[in-house]
Amino acid sequence: MTDFSVITDPAAWQPDFRRRLIDGYQAAGLPGPAADAHVTKLMEKADEWTAAAILDQGGRRIGQVVVSVTDQQGQGIGRIRELWTDPELDEQDTHRRAAHAWARDWCADRGVDQVMVQLTAPDELFAEYPVRGQVRFKLITTPTETPPGVTQRPLTEAEYADWLARGIEAYTGDILRSGSLEPEQARRKAEEDFQRLLPEGLATPDTALVVLEADGEPIGNAWVRHGHLPGVSYGYDLVVHPEFRGRGLGRAAMAVGEQTVRAAGDRALMFTVWGGNEVAMSLYTAVGFGVLEETRTLVL
């Protein structure tokens, strides 16, 4: 038998939750200062989350489950923030499975029809949840060289409007392919994200917007934000235009991203790939970008 008791004092659950989360990101490859900063961002609204102690048949606390509901483009999403039990006290994962059912019921009782989980390592308990996206990460010592004939240059003001329109369209398509949102919601999210991330367009601080060229012809773009985390840049766009794909140029876009990161003084690059894009995932694995975090969502 498994029982649950809501924890009302943040000090009784947040410190251990934070420590386990940092340990998980470090085990996935994120350096200590970056892992600490990343978890700090994730926990900005932790006081609004609900934590419950997982109790065994004797009333002993053997773990905890943390849940919340967030709004995503007007759609409520249930989130399982943590589902942890002491392995020595739950050898068969019996209590974890019971806590999983409790968390899903908690979310359903609040009127949501989707439950999301973010994993820093594979977890069989969530195997039935389709992958909606991955955060990929790589420490960069020596940047990969671009292939012969491929060069890079800054995006110009005259090119910006066309690049922006193309980027919003592609980002909307990525969201739709992942199954995360409906078309109108996906378009709105794409437009809002671009506006939030590029409030000053080309002049946005700590931002590199680059054009990839082959034989003098634009073939793709890189958009990188420096200092996303201590020593870590974030790649929002590392892409070869569709008409140039299938020629091995995807590796060139990744190489330009790495070079841009090191030129700015950062030591690592991370970015998100949406679910359903297996070709891109295979490329990222091949060029050394591991999975830092995987988002999975189940429709109830």
Protein backbone atom coordinates (compact mmCIF):
# COMPACT_ATOMS: atom_id res chain seq x y z
CA MET A 1 0.00 0.00 0.00
CA THR A 2 1.20 3.50 -0.86
CA ASP A 3 -0.09 6.71 0.68
CA PHE A 4 0.54 10.39 0.00
CA SER A 5 0.77 13.48 2.18
CA VAL A 6 0.95 17.00 0.70
CA ILE A 7 4.02 18.92 1.97
CA THR A 8 3.14 22.52 2.83
CA ASP A 9 6.61 23.70 3.92
CA PRO A 10 8.90 24.38 0.90
CA ALA A 11 11.95 23.84 3.09
CA ALA A 12 10.81 20.25 3.62
CA TRP A 13 11.10 19.33 -0.07
CA GLN A 14 12.78 21.98 -2.25
CA PRO A 15 16.45 21.59 -1.13
CA ASP A 16 16.59 17.85 -1.84
CA PHE A 17 14.60 18.31 -5.05
CA ARG A 18 17.08 20.96 -6.21
CA ARG A 19 20.08 18.81 -5.34
CA ARG A 20 18.74 15.78 -7.24
CA LEU A 21 17.91 17.93 -10.25
CA ILE A 22 21.40 19.47 -10.36
CA ASP A 23 22.93 16.00 -10.00
CA GLY A 24 20.82 14.80 -12.93
CA TYR A 25 21.92 17.60 -15.23
CA GLN A 26 25.56 17.19 -14.24
CA ALA A 27 25.35 13.44 -14.92
CA ALA A 28 23.97 14.32 -18.37
CA GLY A 29 27.04 16.48 -19.04
CA LEU A 30 26.18 20.02 -17.93
CA PRO A 31 29.05 21.61 -15.92
CA GLY A 32 28.35 22.49 -12.27
CA PRO A 33 27.89 26.30 -12.54
CA ALA A 34 25.69 25.92 -15.63
CA ALA A 35 23.64 23.15 -13.99
CA ASP A 36 23.12 25.32 -10.91
CA ALA A 37 22.02 28.31 -13.01
CA HIS A 38 19.73 26.14 -15.15
CA VAL A 39 17.98 24.66 -12.12
CA THR A 40 17.65 28.09 -10.55
CA LYS A 41 15.71 29.23 -13.64
CA LEU A 42 13.56 26.11 -13.60
CA MET A 43 12.64 26.66 -9.95
CA GLU A 44 11.68 30.33 -10.19
CA LYS A 45 8.01 29.45 -9.59
CA ALA A 46 8.56 26.39 -7.42
CA ASP A 47 6.52 27.90 -4.58
CA GLU A 48 3.45 27.47 -6.84
CA TRP A 49 4.06 23.74 -7.28
CA THR A 50 2.54 20.95 -5.20
CA ALA A 51 4.78 18.40 -3.49
CA ALA A 52 3.58 15.25 -1.74
CA ALA A 53 5.51 12.81 0.40
CA ILE A 54 5.30 9.19 -0.75
CA LEU A 55 4.61 6.97 2.26
CA ASP A 56 4.92 3.20 2.57
CA GLN A 57 2.47 0.97 4.42
CA GLY A 58 4.09 1.86 7.73
CA GLY A 59 3.75 5.60 7.14
CA ARG A 60 7.47 6.03 6.48
CA ARG A 61 8.42 8.73 3.96
CA ILE A 62 10.31 7.01 1.15
CA GLY A 63 10.15 9.61 -1.63
CA GLN A 64 8.27 12.54 -3.07
CA VAL A 65 6.28 13.56 -6.11
CA VAL A 66 6.11 17.16 -7.37
CA VAL A 67 3.40 18.34 -9.78
CA SER A 68 2.07 21.57 -11.26
CA VAL A 69 -0.21 22.95 -13.96
CA THR A 70 1.11 25.53 -16.42
CA ASP A 71 -0.54 27.51 -19.19
CA GLN A 72 0.84 27.05 -22.69
CA GLN A 73 -0.82 29.27 -25.28
CA GLY A 74 -4.12 29.09 -23.40
CA GLN A 75 -3.89 25.34 -22.92
CA GLY A 76 -3.43 23.83 -19.45
CA ILE A 77 -0.57 21.32 -19.22
CA GLY A 78 -0.03 19.09 -16.20
CA ARG A 79 3.62 18.61 -15.30
CA ILE A 80 5.28 15.92 -13.23
CA ARG A 81 8.32 17.81 -11.95
CA GLU A 82 9.73 14.95 -9.92
CA LEU A 83 8.81 11.37 -9.13
CA TRP A 84 11.44 9.96 -6.78
CA THR A 85 11.64 7.12 -4.30
CA ASP A 86 14.62 5.80 -2.36
CA PRO A 87 15.81 2.81 -4.46
CA GLU A 88 16.70 0.82 -1.34
CA LEU A 89 13.16 1.22 0.03
CA ASP A 90 11.35 0.71 -3.29
CA GLU A 91 13.35 -2.00 -5.04
CA GLN A 92 10.50 -3.06 -7.35
CA ASP A 93 9.36 0.51 -8.13
CA THR A 94 5.98 -0.37 -6.65
CA HIS A 95 5.63 2.96 -4.88
CA ARG A 96 6.92 4.92 -7.90
CA ARG A 97 4.22 3.37 -10.07
CA ALA A 98 1.60 4.26 -7.48
CA ALA A 99 2.96 7.82 -7.33
CA HIS A 100 2.79 8.04 -11.12
CA ALA A 101 -0.91 7.14 -11.02
CA TRP A 102 -1.45 9.68 -8.22
CA ALA A 103 0.29 12.41 -10.25
CA ARG A 104 -1.78 11.71 -13.36
CA ASP A 105 -4.99 11.75 -11.34
CA TRP A 106 -3.91 15.03 -9.70
CA CYS A 107 -3.43 16.59 -13.14
CA ALA A 108 -6.70 15.18 -14.53
CA ASP A 109 -8.62 16.52 -11.51
CA ARG A 110 -7.49 20.00 -12.53
CA GLY A 111 -9.02 19.73 -15.97
CA VAL A 112 -5.91 19.25 -18.11
CA ASP A 113 -5.77 16.69 -20.87
CA GLN A 114 -1.99 16.42 -21.22
CA VAL A 115 0.76 15.48 -18.77
CA MET A 116 4.37 16.48 -19.41
CA VAL A 117 7.61 15.19 -17.92
CA GLN A 118 11.20 16.32 -18.49
CA LEU A 119 13.88 13.63 -18.07
CA THR A 120 17.65 13.91 -17.77
CA ALA A 121 17.97 10.12 -18.18
CA PRO A 122 15.76 7.38 -19.68
CA ASP A 123 12.94 6.21 -17.40
CA GLU A 124 10.84 3.16 -18.30
CA LEU A 125 7.96 4.55 -16.24
CA PHE A 126 7.40 7.16 -18.97
CA ALA A 127 8.11 4.96 -21.98
CA GLU A 128 4.53 5.34 -23.25
CA TYR A 129 4.84 9.15 -23.32
CA PRO A 130 5.70 10.30 -26.87
CA VAL A 131 8.87 12.38 -27.23
CA ARG A 132 7.99 16.04 -27.88
CA GLY A 133 11.49 17.46 -27.82
CA GLN A 134 15.08 17.10 -26.71
CA VAL A 135 17.68 19.53 -25.45
CA ARG A 136 21.03 18.62 -27.00
CA PHE A 137 24.39 19.65 -25.51
CA LYS A 138 28.09 19.54 -26.35
CA LEU A 139 31.24 20.79 -24.66
CA ILE A 140 33.42 22.35 -27.35
CA THR A 141 37.19 22.16 -27.00
CA THR A 142 38.26 22.54 -30.62
CA PRO A 143 35.44 23.70 -32.95
CA THR A 144 34.71 21.52 -35.96
CA GLU A 145 35.99 22.97 -39.22
CA THR A 146 33.53 23.80 -41.98
CA PRO A 147 33.83 21.81 -45.23
CA PRO A 148 35.82 23.36 -48.11
CA GLY A 149 33.76 25.92 -50.01
CA VAL A 150 31.45 26.75 -47.08
CA THR A 151 31.86 30.22 -45.55
CA GLN A 152 29.97 32.40 -43.09
CA ARG A 153 29.13 36.08 -42.70
CA PRO A 154 26.81 38.21 -40.55
CA LEU A 155 23.15 38.50 -41.53
CA THR A 156 22.43 41.96 -42.97
CA GLU A 157 19.59 44.34 -42.15
CA ALA A 158 18.26 43.94 -45.69
CA GLU A 159 18.00 40.16 -45.18
CA TYR A 160 16.50 40.28 -41.70
CA ALA A 161 12.77 40.51 -42.57
CA ASP A 162 12.95 37.54 -44.94
CA TRP A 163 14.98 35.53 -42.43
CA LEU A 164 12.46 36.33 -39.69
CA ALA A 165 9.47 35.23 -41.78
CA ARG A 166 11.22 32.02 -42.81
CA GLY A 167 12.23 31.31 -39.22
CA ILE A 168 8.72 31.78 -37.81
CA GLU A 169 7.30 29.51 -40.50
CA ALA A 170 9.87 26.78 -39.85
CA TYR A 171 9.49 27.01 -36.07
CA THR A 172 5.71 26.73 -36.37
CA GLY A 173 6.18 23.60 -38.47
CA ASP A 174 8.52 22.09 -35.89
CA ILE A 175 5.98 22.62 -33.10
CA LEU A 176 3.20 21.09 -35.18
CA ARG A 177 5.29 18.08 -36.12
CA SER A 178 6.05 17.42 -32.46
CA GLY A 179 2.32 17.31 -31.68
CA SER A 180 2.67 19.83 -28.85
CA LEU A 181 0.12 22.45 -29.97
CA GLU A 182 -2.69 23.12 -32.42
CA PRO A 183 -1.89 25.21 -35.56
CA GLU A 184 -3.14 28.57 -34.26
CA GLN A 185 -1.38 28.08 -30.92
CA ALA A 186 1.83 26.99 -32.62
CA ARG A 187 1.90 30.06 -34.86
CA ARG A 188 1.25 32.38 -31.93
CA LYS A 189 3.98 30.76 -29.85
CA ALA A 190 6.48 31.08 -32.71
CA GLU A 191 5.73 34.77 -33.21
CA GLU A 192 5.87 35.53 -29.48
CA ASP A 193 9.12 33.61 -28.98
CA PHE A 194 10.89 35.43 -31.81
CA GLN A 195 9.73 38.80 -30.46
CA ARG A 196 10.84 37.92 -26.94
CA LEU A 197 14.25 36.64 -28.00
CA LEU A 198 15.01 39.36 -30.58
CA PRO A 199 13.48 42.54 -29.11
CA GLU A 200 16.05 44.70 -30.92
CA GLY A 201 16.36 42.62 -34.08
CA LEU A 202 19.93 42.39 -35.32
CA ALA A 203 21.05 44.72 -32.51
CA THR A 204 19.86 42.36 -29.73
CA PRO A 205 22.77 41.98 -27.27
CA ASP A 206 24.74 38.72 -27.00
CA THR A 207 23.19 37.49 -30.24
CA ALA A 208 24.90 36.22 -33.39
CA LEU A 209 22.91 35.92 -36.64
CA VAL A 210 24.99 34.28 -39.34
CA VAL A 211 24.52 33.34 -43.01
CA LEU A 212 26.13 30.17 -44.34
CA GLU A 213 27.26 30.33 -47.96
CA ALA A 214 28.57 27.80 -50.47
CA ASP A 215 30.21 29.15 -53.58
CA GLY A 216 28.80 32.57 -52.73
CA GLU A 217 25.17 31.37 -52.43
CA PRO A 218 23.27 31.48 -49.12
CA ILE A 219 22.52 27.91 -48.01
CA GLY A 220 21.50 28.30 -44.36
CA ASN A 221 21.61 30.26 -41.12
CA ALA A 222 22.86 30.13 -37.56
CA TRP A 223 21.29 32.03 -34.67
CA VAL A 224 23.12 31.76 -31.38
CA ARG A 225 22.63 33.52 -28.06
CA HIS A 226 25.73 33.77 -25.91
CA GLY A 227 25.78 33.52 -22.11
CA HIS A 228 22.50 31.61 -21.92
CA LEU A 229 24.06 29.82 -18.94
CA PRO A 230 27.56 30.32 -17.49
CA GLY A 231 29.88 29.33 -20.32
CA VAL A 232 27.02 28.00 -22.45
CA SER A 233 25.50 29.45 -25.64
CA TYR A 234 22.07 28.48 -26.93
CA GLY A 235 21.46 27.72 -30.61
CA TYR A 236 18.00 28.81 -31.73
CA ASP A 237 18.65 28.17 -35.41
CA LEU A 238 21.33 25.95 -36.95
CA VAL A 239 19.82 25.09 -40.28
CA VAL A 240 20.43 24.42 -43.95
CA HIS A 241 17.62 25.55 -46.27
CA PRO A 242 15.47 22.65 -47.53
CA GLU A 243 16.59 22.98 -51.15
CA PHE A 244 20.22 22.35 -50.11
CA ARG A 245 19.65 19.40 -47.80
CA GLY A 246 20.84 15.90 -48.57
CA ARG A 247 24.31 17.12 -49.55
CA GLY A 248 26.04 16.72 -46.20
CA LEU A 249 25.77 20.42 -45.41
CA GLY A 250 23.94 19.90 -42.10
CA ARG A 251 27.31 19.25 -40.48
CA ALA A 252 28.49 22.61 -41.80
CA ALA A 253 25.70 24.40 -39.91
CA MET A 254 26.69 22.64 -36.70
CA ALA A 255 30.35 23.53 -37.28
CA VAL A 256 29.48 27.21 -37.74
CA GLY A 257 27.49 27.08 -34.51
CA GLU A 258 30.49 25.65 -32.65
CA GLN A 259 32.83 28.25 -34.10
CA THR A 260 30.45 31.07 -33.18
CA VAL A 261 30.27 29.82 -29.59
CA ARG A 262 34.03 29.64 -29.12
CA ALA A 263 34.59 33.02 -30.80
CA ALA A 264 32.31 34.59 -28.17
CA GLY A 265 34.21 32.96 -25.30
CA ASP A 266 31.66 30.29 -24.31
CA ARG A 267 32.67 26.64 -23.96
CA ALA A 268 29.49 24.73 -24.77
CA LEU A 269 26.46 24.79 -27.05
CA MET A 270 22.93 23.61 -26.32
CA PHE A 271 19.73 23.71 -28.37
CA THR A 272 16.30 22.12 -28.69
CA VAL A 273 15.20 19.67 -31.35
CA TRP A 274 11.46 19.02 -31.58
CA GLY A 275 10.03 15.52 -31.53
CA GLY A 276 9.32 13.84 -34.84
CA ASN A 277 12.56 15.09 -36.45
CA GLU A 278 14.51 11.83 -36.38
CA VAL A 279 16.80 12.88 -39.25
CA ALA A 280 18.02 15.89 -37.29
CA MET A 281 18.37 13.85 -34.10
CA SER A 282 20.58 11.34 -35.92
CA LEU A 283 22.75 14.16 -37.26
CA TYR A 284 23.18 15.74 -33.83
CA THR A 285 24.19 12.41 -32.32
CA ALA A 286 26.68 11.83 -35.11
CA VAL A 287 28.42 15.17 -34.49
CA GLY A 288 28.68 14.65 -30.74
CA PHE A 289 25.63 16.40 -29.24
CA GLY A 290 24.23 14.28 -26.41
CA VAL A 291 20.73 14.42 -24.92
CA LEU A 292 20.74 16.74 -21.91
CA GLU A 293 16.98 16.65 -21.35
CA GLU A 294 14.02 14.98 -23.03
CA THR A 295 10.45 16.26 -22.88
CA ARG A 296 7.65 13.69 -23.13
CA THR A 297 3.94 14.42 -23.11
CA LEU A 298 0.98 12.07 -22.79
CA VAL A 299 -2.58 12.91 -23.79
CA LEU A 300 -4.83 11.63 -21.01
